[in-house]
Amino acid sequence: MLTEDVLSRPAVLAPTVLVVAYLLYQLLRPSNLPKLPIVGAKPGEWFPLQRAKWRNTKDMKTATEIAYCQYKDRACILPVGGAGNFVLLPFKELQWLVEQPDADVSMHDQTRDALQLDYTIVDPRLDRVPVHVNLISGLLTRETGNLVPDLLDEIQHSVDSLWGTDAETFNTVCVYDVMRRIIGRATNRVFVGLPLCRDPALLDAGMAFAQDVPLSSTLLRFIWKPFRPLAALFLTLPNRIHTEQFYRILRPEIRRRLKEFEARRADVETKAAEKEPNDFLQWSIKQAKTLGDPYYSKVDTLAGRILLLNFASIHTSSFAITHAILDLASSKQDCIDELRDEITSVLAEHGGEWNKRALAAMTKLDSVMRESQRVNSFVTAATIRAVDNPKGVTTPSGLHLSKGTVVCAPSYPVFHDPNIYPEPHVFKPFRFAERRTAAATEDGESLSYVQRARQAFATTSPEYTAFGHGRHACPGRFFAASELKLMLAYLVLNYDFEFQEKRPENFWFGMNRIPPMKATIKIKRRTKDRSGL
């Protein structure tokens, strides 16, 4: 039993006072939020924002649907535990939001705060000066066609080794566990090349780091800001361990390439005069030397950019391919047959060669990926931005948002709106292929190339925000789309699936929808009709 003397001790009393002060601060602090309806709040209850936050976090699906349907033509406040209080604009104002200048509403500031990047990555300058984004949106996109042979080689090697080549019996694979390793290898083939892309320790460190950041950032956001630097010392310890593991493996290769780069510049007749690797690490080295600042050419700076790319790309692409496989494995054989027919016929038209044009011609394959992402998208709120203008901004409907307000638009309920997508909860693999190949528009004129391209996997719109939308849409989406389609094509042509009656259900983690990570399917290697793959 605690005595009065024990309770008076500073060691016991100080933490109690701090906890009480923090709770009071959270409940009573002034808010810069506009006076709008609160999704999840009940009429007349005390502390509606905090209680709604708890309810919404437990059932994000219902919260987004209420926000979209009940407040369809006006803004509302969507509180989410561990994420913050969002002002959710009506769907009709999404295009306005993405067109606002960065000086008014900032995606970068919001992302940095959401992921707590000042604490969760070892070198925050990597995010604050993101020069790698130009390489992703520019050079990576332009080089995607030239990278197809390397991607195909890595996909073949990885799938054959991890899915097996048994053509006699069906074997069970855990889809997400296996596919994230295949995605990791294929993606790092483009990032760092052979043989590092197959180094299991490098892949393990990169995948672990990709899990560390969202977990540690979520925990940090529950901690009072003044205490975060101290808490981060403990909560981000795994981040630092996995970063060092990743760097340790990559440093020798970076040092070797930096040395060879300098040798080439000096026109030295050595082995360095051989053809340069065509991968992201090499592009980063050339970019760093062009920029001139010694910071960009530091070994750990270059390694850090590769690690950030692993974090940004492998998780999302692993989710996407997992969803597509689970969707196909719970569809019908006719769908698989139709996909195989398209892939083999297009390849035949291109002399059996996989290239950028062949991938672009596979509209049904493209449609499967786009439809799977529509049904299962990780994104539930689109185009999240933080108001950065000191004077605030005013929306087209006249709502004023002050500096610091986090604003977004609906995504999940748009993907499931029957007025936009008939039978929205049904996976229709060729939904977008049918739109692209429609014979005519309502006025009888043929669809233009631009109109057809709007239904492509990597194309964004207010109705399709799986990759975001506007000038800040995912810069690597064209590369990711090619990689995912190539991978799915290889799996469809080379493996039979044992079909499931019901697709395993996704689950919600805060604002995000996650594939069932332990879901399994049964597969068997095909022995014919693989068209050279």
Protein backbone atom coordinates (compact mmCIF):
# COMPACT_ATOMS: atom_id res chain seq x y z
CA MET A 1 0.00 0.00 0.00
CA LEU A 2 1.38 3.44 -0.96
CA THR A 3 1.91 5.80 1.94
CA GLU A 4 1.69 9.57 1.86
CA ASP A 5 5.45 9.67 2.30
CA VAL A 6 6.04 7.50 -0.80
CA LEU A 7 3.66 9.53 -2.93
CA SER A 8 5.49 12.69 -2.02
CA ARG A 9 8.75 11.48 -3.45
CA PRO A 10 9.75 13.39 -6.64
CA ALA A 11 10.68 10.16 -8.44
CA VAL A 12 7.05 9.01 -8.21
CA LEU A 13 5.28 12.34 -8.40
CA ALA A 14 7.11 13.86 -11.39
CA PRO A 15 6.07 11.24 -13.99
CA THR A 16 2.49 11.36 -12.70
CA VAL A 17 2.36 15.13 -13.08
CA LEU A 18 3.81 14.91 -16.58
CA VAL A 19 1.28 12.32 -17.69
CA VAL A 20 -1.63 14.31 -16.26
CA ALA A 21 -0.29 17.52 -17.82
CA TYR A 22 0.02 15.84 -21.21
CA LEU A 23 -3.53 14.47 -21.07
CA LEU A 24 -4.91 17.86 -20.07
CA TYR A 25 -2.90 19.49 -22.86
CA GLN A 26 -4.32 17.09 -25.42
CA LEU A 27 -7.87 17.67 -24.20
CA LEU A 28 -7.81 21.41 -23.63
CA ARG A 29 -5.26 22.83 -26.08
CA PRO A 30 -6.62 25.35 -28.57
CA SER A 31 -7.29 23.98 -32.03
CA ASN A 32 -6.66 25.59 -35.40
CA LEU A 33 -9.30 23.35 -36.96
CA PRO A 34 -12.28 25.04 -38.62
CA LYS A 35 -15.74 24.49 -37.18
CA LEU A 36 -16.88 21.47 -39.17
CA PRO A 37 -18.74 18.23 -38.42
CA ILE A 38 -16.51 15.59 -36.83
CA VAL A 39 -16.70 12.10 -38.33
CA GLY A 40 -17.22 9.57 -35.54
CA ALA A 41 -18.45 12.06 -32.92
CA LYS A 42 -21.82 11.76 -31.19
CA PRO A 43 -24.09 14.74 -30.50
CA GLY A 44 -23.56 16.39 -27.14
CA GLU A 45 -20.70 14.23 -25.91
CA TRP A 46 -17.68 15.63 -24.09
CA PHE A 47 -14.32 15.72 -25.87
CA PRO A 48 -15.84 14.71 -29.23
CA LEU A 49 -12.55 14.99 -31.17
CA GLN A 50 -10.68 12.58 -28.93
CA ARG A 51 -13.52 10.08 -28.72
CA ALA A 52 -14.11 10.19 -32.47
CA LYS A 53 -10.41 9.58 -33.00
CA TRP A 54 -10.66 6.35 -31.02
CA ARG A 55 -13.77 5.17 -32.88
CA ASN A 56 -12.38 5.98 -36.32
CA THR A 57 -9.08 4.23 -35.61
CA LYS A 58 -10.98 1.06 -34.71
CA ASP A 59 -13.12 1.17 -37.87
CA MET A 60 -11.48 3.30 -40.55
CA LYS A 61 -13.56 1.76 -43.32
CA THR A 62 -16.83 2.97 -41.83
CA ALA A 63 -15.35 6.37 -40.99
CA THR A 64 -14.29 7.03 -44.59
CA GLU A 65 -17.65 5.86 -45.94
CA ILE A 66 -19.56 8.14 -43.55
CA ALA A 67 -17.33 11.07 -44.45
CA TYR A 68 -17.91 10.47 -48.16
CA CYS A 69 -21.64 9.75 -48.13
CA GLN A 70 -22.97 11.84 -45.25
CA TYR A 71 -20.81 14.90 -45.97
CA LYS A 72 -20.53 14.38 -49.71
CA ASP A 73 -20.66 18.05 -50.75
CA ARG A 74 -18.92 19.68 -47.79
CA ALA A 75 -15.77 19.30 -45.75
CA CYS A 76 -15.56 17.50 -42.41
CA ILE A 77 -12.96 16.64 -39.79
CA LEU A 78 -11.59 13.09 -39.79
CA PRO A 79 -9.61 12.36 -36.60
CA VAL A 80 -7.37 9.27 -36.67
CA GLY A 81 -5.27 7.95 -33.79
CA GLY A 82 -1.54 8.17 -34.43
CA ALA A 83 -2.10 10.18 -37.60
CA GLY A 84 -3.81 13.39 -36.56
CA ASN A 85 -6.91 15.42 -37.34
CA PHE A 86 -7.56 15.74 -41.05
CA VAL A 87 -9.82 18.19 -42.81
CA LEU A 88 -11.38 15.96 -45.46
CA LEU A 89 -12.50 17.98 -48.47
CA PRO A 90 -15.40 16.86 -50.67
CA PHE A 91 -14.46 14.83 -53.72
CA LYS A 92 -15.26 17.71 -56.06
CA GLU A 93 -12.38 19.76 -54.55
CA LEU A 94 -9.64 17.12 -54.95
CA GLN A 95 -8.45 18.57 -58.25
CA TRP A 96 -8.26 22.03 -56.69
CA LEU A 97 -6.13 20.62 -53.87
CA VAL A 98 -3.52 19.02 -56.13
CA GLU A 99 -3.24 22.17 -58.21
CA GLN A 100 -2.25 24.38 -55.26
CA PRO A 101 1.37 25.59 -55.19
CA ASP A 102 3.78 23.99 -52.72
CA ALA A 103 4.16 27.34 -50.97
CA ASP A 104 0.48 27.08 -49.98
CA VAL A 105 0.01 23.38 -49.30
CA SER A 106 2.98 21.05 -48.92
CA MET A 107 3.08 17.30 -49.43
CA HIS A 108 6.72 17.16 -48.36
CA ASP A 109 6.12 18.78 -44.96
CA GLN A 110 3.18 16.51 -44.28
CA THR A 111 5.10 13.36 -45.23
CA ARG A 112 8.08 14.36 -43.11
CA ASP A 113 5.80 14.86 -40.11
CA ALA A 114 3.73 11.71 -40.71
CA LEU A 115 6.85 9.52 -40.89
CA GLN A 116 8.75 11.56 -38.29
CA LEU A 117 11.73 11.57 -40.65
CA ASP A 118 13.80 13.83 -38.41
CA TYR A 119 14.06 10.82 -36.10
CA THR A 120 13.29 7.68 -38.10
CA ILE A 121 16.09 8.00 -40.66
CA VAL A 122 19.74 8.35 -39.70
CA ASP A 123 20.43 11.31 -42.00
CA PRO A 124 17.37 13.60 -42.22
CA ARG A 125 19.11 15.68 -44.90
CA LEU A 126 18.42 12.82 -47.33
CA ASP A 127 14.76 13.76 -47.13
CA ARG A 128 15.19 17.50 -46.81
CA VAL A 129 17.26 17.66 -50.02
CA PRO A 130 15.63 14.89 -52.10
CA VAL A 131 17.75 15.17 -55.25
CA HIS A 132 17.04 11.50 -55.99
CA VAL A 133 13.43 12.35 -56.90
CA ASN A 134 14.62 13.95 -60.16
CA LEU A 135 16.39 10.71 -61.08
CA ILE A 136 13.25 8.70 -60.38
CA SER A 137 10.84 10.88 -62.35
CA GLY A 138 13.32 11.53 -65.16
CA LEU A 139 16.05 8.99 -65.83
CA LEU A 140 14.39 5.92 -64.28
CA THR A 141 11.21 6.53 -66.26
CA ARG A 142 13.13 7.04 -69.52
CA GLU A 143 15.33 3.98 -68.93
CA THR A 144 12.51 1.60 -67.99
CA GLY A 145 12.38 0.13 -71.50
CA ASN A 146 16.13 -0.55 -71.47
CA LEU A 147 15.86 -2.17 -68.05
CA VAL A 148 13.25 -4.76 -69.10
CA PRO A 149 15.84 -7.48 -69.99
CA ASP A 150 17.55 -7.17 -66.59
CA LEU A 151 14.20 -7.16 -64.80
CA LEU A 152 13.05 -10.24 -66.69
CA ASP A 153 16.30 -12.06 -65.90
CA GLU A 154 15.95 -11.29 -62.19
CA ILE A 155 12.27 -12.22 -62.12
CA GLN A 156 12.99 -15.55 -63.81
CA HIS A 157 15.81 -16.35 -61.40
CA SER A 158 13.91 -15.27 -58.29
CA VAL A 159 10.55 -16.86 -59.11
CA ASP A 160 12.11 -20.15 -60.18
CA SER A 161 14.15 -20.38 -56.98
CA LEU A 162 11.45 -19.22 -54.56
CA TRP A 163 8.29 -20.64 -56.18
CA GLY A 164 10.00 -23.80 -57.34
CA THR A 165 9.82 -25.78 -60.57
CA ASP A 166 7.81 -28.81 -59.43
CA ALA A 167 5.38 -29.61 -62.27
CA GLU A 168 3.92 -32.73 -60.67
CA THR A 169 2.20 -31.57 -57.49
CA PHE A 170 0.70 -28.39 -56.10
CA ASN A 171 2.88 -26.73 -53.48
CA THR A 172 1.85 -24.12 -50.92
CA VAL A 173 3.45 -20.66 -50.89
CA CYS A 174 2.85 -17.77 -48.52
CA VAL A 175 2.19 -15.10 -51.11
CA TYR A 176 3.38 -11.94 -49.32
CA ASP A 177 6.47 -13.50 -47.72
CA VAL A 178 7.70 -14.86 -51.04
CA MET A 179 6.68 -11.95 -53.24
CA ARG A 180 8.37 -9.29 -51.12
CA ARG A 181 11.66 -11.14 -51.57
CA ILE A 182 11.11 -11.39 -55.32
CA ILE A 183 10.18 -7.70 -55.46
CA GLY A 184 13.24 -6.89 -53.36
CA ARG A 185 15.57 -8.73 -55.71
CA ALA A 186 14.05 -7.37 -58.91
CA THR A 187 13.91 -3.79 -57.65
CA ASN A 188 17.46 -3.86 -56.33
CA ARG A 189 18.63 -5.28 -59.66
CA VAL A 190 17.74 -1.82 -60.98
CA PHE A 191 19.02 0.00 -57.88
CA VAL A 192 22.41 -1.68 -57.30
CA GLY A 193 22.75 -4.45 -59.91
CA LEU A 194 24.25 -7.93 -59.62
CA PRO A 195 25.33 -9.58 -57.35
CA LEU A 196 24.21 -7.32 -54.50
CA CYS A 197 20.54 -7.50 -55.49
CA ARG A 198 20.60 -11.19 -54.50
CA ASP A 199 22.42 -10.69 -51.20
CA PRO A 200 19.95 -11.97 -48.57
CA ALA A 201 21.50 -9.85 -45.81
CA LEU A 202 21.07 -6.66 -47.86
CA LEU A 203 17.46 -7.53 -48.65
CA ASP A 204 16.71 -8.46 -45.03
CA ALA A 205 18.14 -5.16 -43.76
CA GLY A 206 16.22 -3.16 -46.36
CA MET A 207 12.92 -4.92 -45.64
CA ALA A 208 13.41 -4.60 -41.88
CA PHE A 209 14.07 -0.88 -42.24
CA ALA A 210 10.91 -0.55 -44.34
CA GLN A 211 8.97 -1.99 -41.39
CA ASP A 212 10.86 0.06 -38.79
CA VAL A 213 9.92 3.48 -40.17
CA PRO A 214 6.10 3.26 -40.10
CA LEU A 215 6.11 1.49 -36.74
CA SER A 216 8.50 3.87 -34.98
CA SER A 217 6.89 6.95 -36.53
CA THR A 218 3.43 5.85 -35.34
CA LEU A 219 4.73 5.35 -31.81
CA LEU A 220 6.51 8.69 -31.83
CA ARG A 221 3.36 10.54 -32.88
CA PHE A 222 1.67 9.34 -29.69
CA ILE A 223 4.40 11.02 -27.64
CA TRP A 224 4.33 14.67 -26.64
CA LYS A 225 6.59 16.65 -28.98
CA PRO A 226 9.00 17.91 -26.28
CA PHE A 227 9.74 14.29 -25.32
CA ARG A 228 10.12 12.87 -28.84
CA PRO A 229 13.89 13.44 -29.19
CA LEU A 230 14.47 11.43 -26.02
CA ALA A 231 11.93 8.73 -26.90
CA ALA A 232 13.40 8.44 -30.40
CA LEU A 233 16.74 7.32 -28.92
CA PHE A 234 15.02 4.11 -27.88
CA LEU A 235 12.17 3.71 -30.35
CA THR A 236 14.37 4.12 -33.43
CA LEU A 237 17.16 1.80 -32.27
CA PRO A 238 16.05 -0.91 -34.78
CA ASN A 239 16.09 1.74 -37.54
CA ARG A 240 19.72 2.57 -36.80
CA ILE A 241 20.76 -1.08 -36.51
CA HIS A 242 19.22 -2.04 -39.85
CA THR A 243 20.58 1.11 -41.50
CA GLU A 244 24.11 0.22 -40.42
CA GLN A 245 23.67 -3.37 -41.64
CA PHE A 246 22.51 -2.12 -45.04
CA TYR A 247 25.32 0.45 -45.30
CA ARG A 248 27.99 -2.06 -44.27
CA ILE A 249 27.09 -4.36 -47.18
CA LEU A 250 26.80 -1.56 -49.75
CA ARG A 251 29.84 0.55 -48.81
CA PRO A 252 32.52 -1.57 -50.58
CA GLU A 253 30.58 -1.46 -53.87
CA ILE A 254 30.08 2.31 -53.62
CA ARG A 255 33.77 2.89 -52.89
CA ARG A 256 34.73 0.72 -55.86
CA ARG A 257 32.39 2.59 -58.19
CA LEU A 258 33.54 6.00 -56.97
CA LYS A 259 37.13 4.99 -57.65
CA GLU A 260 36.27 3.73 -61.14
CA PHE A 261 34.28 6.87 -61.87
CA GLU A 262 37.29 9.03 -61.06
CA ALA A 263 39.45 6.78 -63.21
CA ARG A 264 37.11 7.25 -66.15
CA ARG A 265 37.18 10.99 -65.74
CA ALA A 266 40.96 10.86 -65.79
CA ASP A 267 40.90 8.69 -68.95
CA VAL A 268 43.01 6.07 -67.26
CA GLU A 269 43.48 2.89 -69.33
CA THR A 270 42.26 0.44 -66.73
CA LYS A 271 39.43 -1.94 -66.21
CA ALA A 272 37.41 1.11 -65.21
CA ALA A 273 37.18 1.97 -68.91
CA GLU A 274 34.62 -0.82 -69.36
CA LYS A 275 30.96 -0.04 -69.85
CA GLU A 276 29.33 1.65 -66.88
CA PRO A 277 26.53 -0.14 -65.00
CA ASN A 278 23.09 1.14 -65.92
CA ASP A 279 21.50 1.28 -62.48
CA PHE A 280 20.32 3.81 -59.93
CA LEU A 281 23.50 3.72 -57.87
CA GLN A 282 25.57 4.67 -60.91
CA TRP A 283 23.14 7.45 -61.84
CA SER A 284 23.37 8.75 -58.27
CA ILE A 285 27.17 8.85 -58.41
CA LYS A 286 27.12 10.80 -61.68
CA GLN A 287 24.49 13.16 -60.29
CA ALA A 288 26.53 13.70 -57.10
CA LYS A 289 29.65 14.63 -59.07
CA THR A 290 27.63 17.02 -61.20
CA LEU A 291 26.11 18.76 -58.18
CA GLY A 292 29.56 19.48 -56.83
CA ASP A 293 28.75 19.44 -53.10
CA PRO A 294 31.00 16.80 -51.43
CA TYR A 295 28.06 15.73 -49.24
CA TYR A 296 26.31 14.08 -52.19
CA SER A 297 29.38 11.97 -53.02
CA LYS A 298 29.84 10.64 -49.50
CA VAL A 299 29.57 6.86 -49.34
CA ASP A 300 26.88 6.91 -46.67
CA THR A 301 24.88 9.57 -48.49
CA LEU A 302 24.74 7.38 -51.58
CA ALA A 303 23.92 4.29 -49.51
CA GLY A 304 21.22 6.23 -47.66
CA ARG A 305 19.46 7.16 -50.88
CA ILE A 306 19.36 3.51 -51.95
CA LEU A 307 17.94 2.56 -48.54
CA LEU A 308 15.24 5.24 -48.81
CA LEU A 309 14.28 3.90 -52.24
CA ASN A 310 13.98 0.41 -50.77
CA PHE A 311 11.67 1.78 -48.11
CA ALA A 312 9.55 3.73 -50.61
CA SER A 313 9.20 1.04 -53.27
CA ILE A 314 9.44 -2.51 -51.95
CA HIS A 315 6.56 -2.40 -49.44
CA THR A 316 4.03 -0.84 -51.80
CA SER A 317 4.99 -3.02 -54.78
CA SER A 318 4.92 -6.15 -52.59
CA PHE A 319 1.41 -5.26 -51.47
CA ALA A 320 0.30 -4.65 -55.07
CA ILE A 321 1.55 -7.96 -56.49
CA THR A 322 0.23 -9.88 -53.46
CA HIS A 323 -3.24 -8.42 -54.01
CA ALA A 324 -3.17 -9.23 -57.73
CA ILE A 325 -2.15 -12.86 -57.13
CA LEU A 326 -4.81 -13.37 -54.46
CA ASP A 327 -7.43 -11.79 -56.74
CA LEU A 328 -6.53 -14.06 -59.66
CA ALA A 329 -6.31 -17.16 -57.46
CA SER A 330 -9.91 -16.56 -56.34
CA SER A 331 -11.27 -15.78 -59.83
CA LYS A 332 -11.91 -18.26 -62.65
CA GLN A 333 -9.83 -20.29 -65.06
CA ASP A 334 -11.36 -18.37 -67.97
CA CYS A 335 -9.70 -15.21 -66.68
CA ILE A 336 -6.27 -16.88 -66.55
CA ASP A 337 -6.75 -18.38 -70.01
CA GLU A 338 -7.71 -15.00 -71.45
CA LEU A 339 -4.63 -13.40 -69.90
CA ARG A 340 -2.35 -16.13 -71.28
CA ASP A 341 -3.84 -15.73 -74.74
CA GLU A 342 -3.16 -12.00 -74.72
CA ILE A 343 0.39 -12.35 -73.44
CA THR A 344 1.37 -15.04 -75.94
CA SER A 345 -0.23 -13.28 -78.90
CA VAL A 346 1.39 -9.92 -78.09
CA LEU A 347 4.77 -11.59 -77.63
CA ALA A 348 4.37 -13.31 -80.98
CA GLU A 349 3.68 -9.92 -82.60
CA HIS A 350 6.96 -8.63 -81.10
CA GLY A 351 9.07 -11.58 -82.22
CA GLY A 352 8.97 -13.21 -78.80
CA GLU A 353 10.86 -10.29 -77.28
CA TRP A 354 9.84 -8.63 -74.04
CA ASN A 355 10.11 -4.87 -74.33
CA LYS A 356 8.34 -1.66 -73.34
CA ARG A 357 6.04 -1.69 -76.35
CA ALA A 358 5.00 -5.30 -75.77
CA LEU A 359 4.11 -4.52 -72.15
CA ALA A 360 2.12 -1.47 -73.23
CA ALA A 361 0.13 -3.59 -75.69
CA MET A 362 -1.03 -6.02 -72.98
CA THR A 363 -4.13 -4.08 -72.00
CA LYS A 364 -5.79 -6.95 -70.15
CA LEU A 365 -2.69 -7.56 -68.05
CA ASP A 366 -2.57 -3.84 -67.34
CA SER A 367 -6.26 -3.87 -66.42
CA VAL A 368 -5.79 -6.68 -63.90
CA MET A 369 -3.20 -4.63 -62.01
CA ARG A 370 -5.26 -1.42 -62.14
CA GLU A 371 -8.46 -3.18 -61.05
CA SER A 372 -6.69 -5.03 -58.24
CA GLN A 373 -5.33 -1.74 -56.92
CA ARG A 374 -8.76 -0.13 -57.23
CA VAL A 375 -10.34 -2.85 -55.09
CA ASN A 376 -7.47 -3.17 -52.59
CA SER A 377 -5.66 0.17 -52.62
CA PHE A 378 -3.35 0.94 -49.70
CA VAL A 379 -4.50 4.57 -50.03
CA THR A 380 -7.67 5.51 -48.13
CA ALA A 381 -7.27 9.30 -48.09
CA ALA A 382 -5.86 10.96 -51.19
CA THR A 383 -3.36 13.77 -51.66
CA ILE A 384 -2.68 14.52 -47.99
CA ARG A 385 -1.14 17.99 -47.65
CA ALA A 386 -0.20 20.41 -44.86
CA VAL A 387 -1.17 24.07 -45.20
CA ASP A 388 2.12 25.99 -45.31
CA ASN A 389 0.98 29.49 -46.20
CA PRO A 390 1.21 31.71 -43.06
CA LYS A 391 -2.08 33.33 -44.11
CA GLY A 392 -3.76 29.99 -44.72
CA VAL A 393 -5.71 29.00 -47.83
CA THR A 394 -9.35 29.18 -48.83
CA THR A 395 -11.08 26.36 -50.69
CA PRO A 396 -13.47 26.91 -53.64
CA SER A 397 -16.43 26.47 -51.26
CA GLY A 398 -15.14 29.32 -49.07
CA LEU A 399 -13.66 27.25 -46.22
CA HIS A 400 -10.57 28.90 -44.72
CA LEU A 401 -7.79 26.58 -43.55
CA SER A 402 -5.12 28.06 -41.30
CA LYS A 403 -1.40 27.25 -41.42
CA GLY A 404 -0.61 23.79 -40.08
CA THR A 405 -3.96 22.26 -40.99
CA VAL A 406 -3.63 18.85 -42.60
CA VAL A 407 -6.02 18.48 -45.50
CA CYS A 408 -6.90 15.59 -47.81
CA ALA A 409 -9.60 14.20 -50.09
CA PRO A 410 -11.44 10.85 -50.16
CA SER A 411 -9.96 7.82 -51.91
CA TYR A 412 -11.26 4.49 -50.56
CA PRO A 413 -14.96 5.40 -50.85
CA VAL A 414 -14.39 6.82 -54.34
CA PHE A 415 -12.91 3.49 -55.46
CA HIS A 416 -16.08 1.83 -54.14
CA ASP A 417 -18.65 4.32 -55.42
CA PRO A 418 -21.16 2.48 -57.68
CA ASN A 419 -21.79 5.69 -59.62
CA ILE A 420 -18.14 5.71 -60.71
CA TYR A 421 -17.39 1.97 -60.77
CA PRO A 422 -20.47 -0.25 -61.29
CA GLU A 423 -20.42 -3.26 -58.93
CA PRO A 424 -17.53 -1.62 -57.08
CA HIS A 425 -16.87 -4.43 -54.60
CA VAL A 426 -16.48 -7.03 -57.36
CA PHE A 427 -13.04 -7.69 -58.83
CA LYS A 428 -13.58 -7.41 -62.58
CA PRO A 429 -10.15 -8.11 -64.05
CA PHE A 430 -10.81 -6.61 -67.49
CA ARG A 431 -12.89 -3.63 -66.38
CA PHE A 432 -10.35 -1.08 -67.62
CA ALA A 433 -9.37 -3.04 -70.73
CA GLU A 434 -12.99 -2.91 -71.83
CA ARG A 435 -13.00 0.85 -71.32
CA ARG A 436 -9.78 1.27 -73.28
CA THR A 437 -10.96 -0.79 -76.22
CA ALA A 438 -14.44 0.71 -76.41
CA ALA A 439 -15.32 1.20 -80.05
CA ALA A 440 -16.76 4.68 -79.76
CA THR A 441 -17.74 7.50 -77.45
CA GLU A 442 -21.31 8.63 -76.90
CA ASP A 443 -21.18 10.91 -79.92
CA GLY A 444 -19.92 8.11 -82.14
CA GLU A 445 -16.35 9.34 -82.54
CA SER A 446 -13.43 6.97 -82.04
CA LEU A 447 -11.65 7.14 -78.72
CA SER A 448 -8.36 9.01 -78.92
CA TYR A 449 -5.05 7.65 -77.69
CA VAL A 450 -5.20 10.04 -74.71
CA GLN A 451 -8.68 8.86 -73.75
CA ARG A 452 -7.56 5.22 -73.86
CA ALA A 453 -4.38 5.98 -71.93
CA ARG A 454 -6.48 7.42 -69.09
CA GLN A 455 -7.48 3.84 -68.25
CA ALA A 456 -3.86 2.61 -67.97
CA PHE A 457 -2.46 1.28 -64.70
CA ALA A 458 -0.02 4.14 -64.08
CA THR A 459 -2.42 6.94 -65.04
CA THR A 460 -3.92 8.96 -62.20
CA SER A 461 -7.13 10.95 -61.94
CA PRO A 462 -9.45 12.23 -59.19
CA GLU A 463 -11.30 8.90 -59.55
CA TYR A 464 -8.10 6.83 -59.44
CA THR A 465 -5.57 7.82 -56.77
CA ALA A 466 -3.73 4.55 -56.09
CA PHE A 467 -0.51 6.37 -57.08
CA GLY A 468 -1.70 9.75 -55.79
CA HIS A 469 -2.63 12.45 -58.27
CA GLY A 470 -1.29 15.68 -59.70
CA ARG A 471 2.34 16.77 -59.99
CA HIS A 472 3.23 14.94 -56.76
CA ALA A 473 1.87 11.58 -57.88
CA CYS A 474 4.30 8.71 -57.30
CA PRO A 475 7.32 9.57 -59.50
CA GLY A 476 8.31 5.92 -59.93
CA ARG A 477 4.89 4.63 -60.95
CA PHE A 478 5.79 3.98 -64.61
CA PHE A 479 8.75 1.82 -63.61
CA ALA A 480 6.70 0.09 -60.91
CA ALA A 481 3.88 -0.63 -63.36
CA SER A 482 6.28 -2.24 -65.85
CA GLU A 483 7.97 -4.30 -63.15
CA LEU A 484 4.67 -5.55 -61.70
CA LYS A 485 3.16 -6.40 -65.08
CA LEU A 486 6.29 -8.27 -66.15
CA MET A 487 6.27 -10.22 -62.90
CA LEU A 488 2.58 -11.08 -63.10
CA ALA A 489 2.93 -12.16 -66.73
CA TYR A 490 5.77 -14.52 -65.83
CA LEU A 491 3.73 -16.07 -63.02
CA VAL A 492 0.59 -16.48 -65.14
CA LEU A 493 2.47 -18.09 -68.04
CA ASN A 494 4.59 -20.39 -65.93
CA TYR A 495 2.37 -21.49 -63.05
CA ASP A 496 -1.07 -22.96 -62.49
CA PHE A 497 -3.05 -21.80 -59.47
CA GLU A 498 -5.37 -23.98 -57.43
CA PHE A 499 -8.41 -21.70 -57.28
CA GLN A 500 -9.90 -20.62 -53.96
CA GLU A 501 -13.63 -20.20 -53.33
CA LYS A 502 -13.11 -17.05 -51.28
CA ARG A 503 -10.33 -14.50 -51.36
CA PRO A 504 -8.61 -13.98 -47.99
CA GLU A 505 -9.69 -10.64 -46.55
CA ASN A 506 -7.51 -7.56 -46.23
CA PHE A 507 -7.16 -5.87 -42.86
CA TRP A 508 -6.84 -2.29 -41.71
CA PHE A 509 -3.85 -0.79 -39.93
CA GLY A 510 -4.83 2.74 -38.98
CA MET A 511 -5.54 4.56 -42.23
CA ASN A 512 -4.02 1.87 -44.42
CA ARG A 513 -5.35 -1.34 -45.93
CA ILE A 514 -2.94 -4.25 -45.79
CA PRO A 515 -3.07 -7.58 -47.66
CA PRO A 516 -3.42 -10.74 -45.56
CA MET A 517 0.28 -11.32 -44.99
CA LYS A 518 -0.03 -14.98 -44.02
CA ALA A 519 -2.41 -15.96 -46.83
CA THR A 520 -1.26 -18.95 -48.89
CA ILE A 521 -2.09 -20.35 -52.30
CA LYS A 522 -1.23 -23.62 -54.02
CA ILE A 523 0.79 -23.44 -57.22
CA LYS A 524 2.32 -25.85 -59.72
CA ARG A 525 4.83 -25.23 -62.50
CA ARG A 526 3.45 -25.46 -66.02
CA THR A 527 5.40 -27.52 -68.50
CA LYS A 528 4.23 -26.01 -71.79
CA ASP A 529 2.84 -22.90 -73.51
CA ARG A 530 5.27 -20.59 -71.76
CA SER A 531 6.15 -18.69 -74.95
CA GLY A 532 9.86 -18.46 -74.27
CA LEU A 533 9.55 -17.29 -70.67
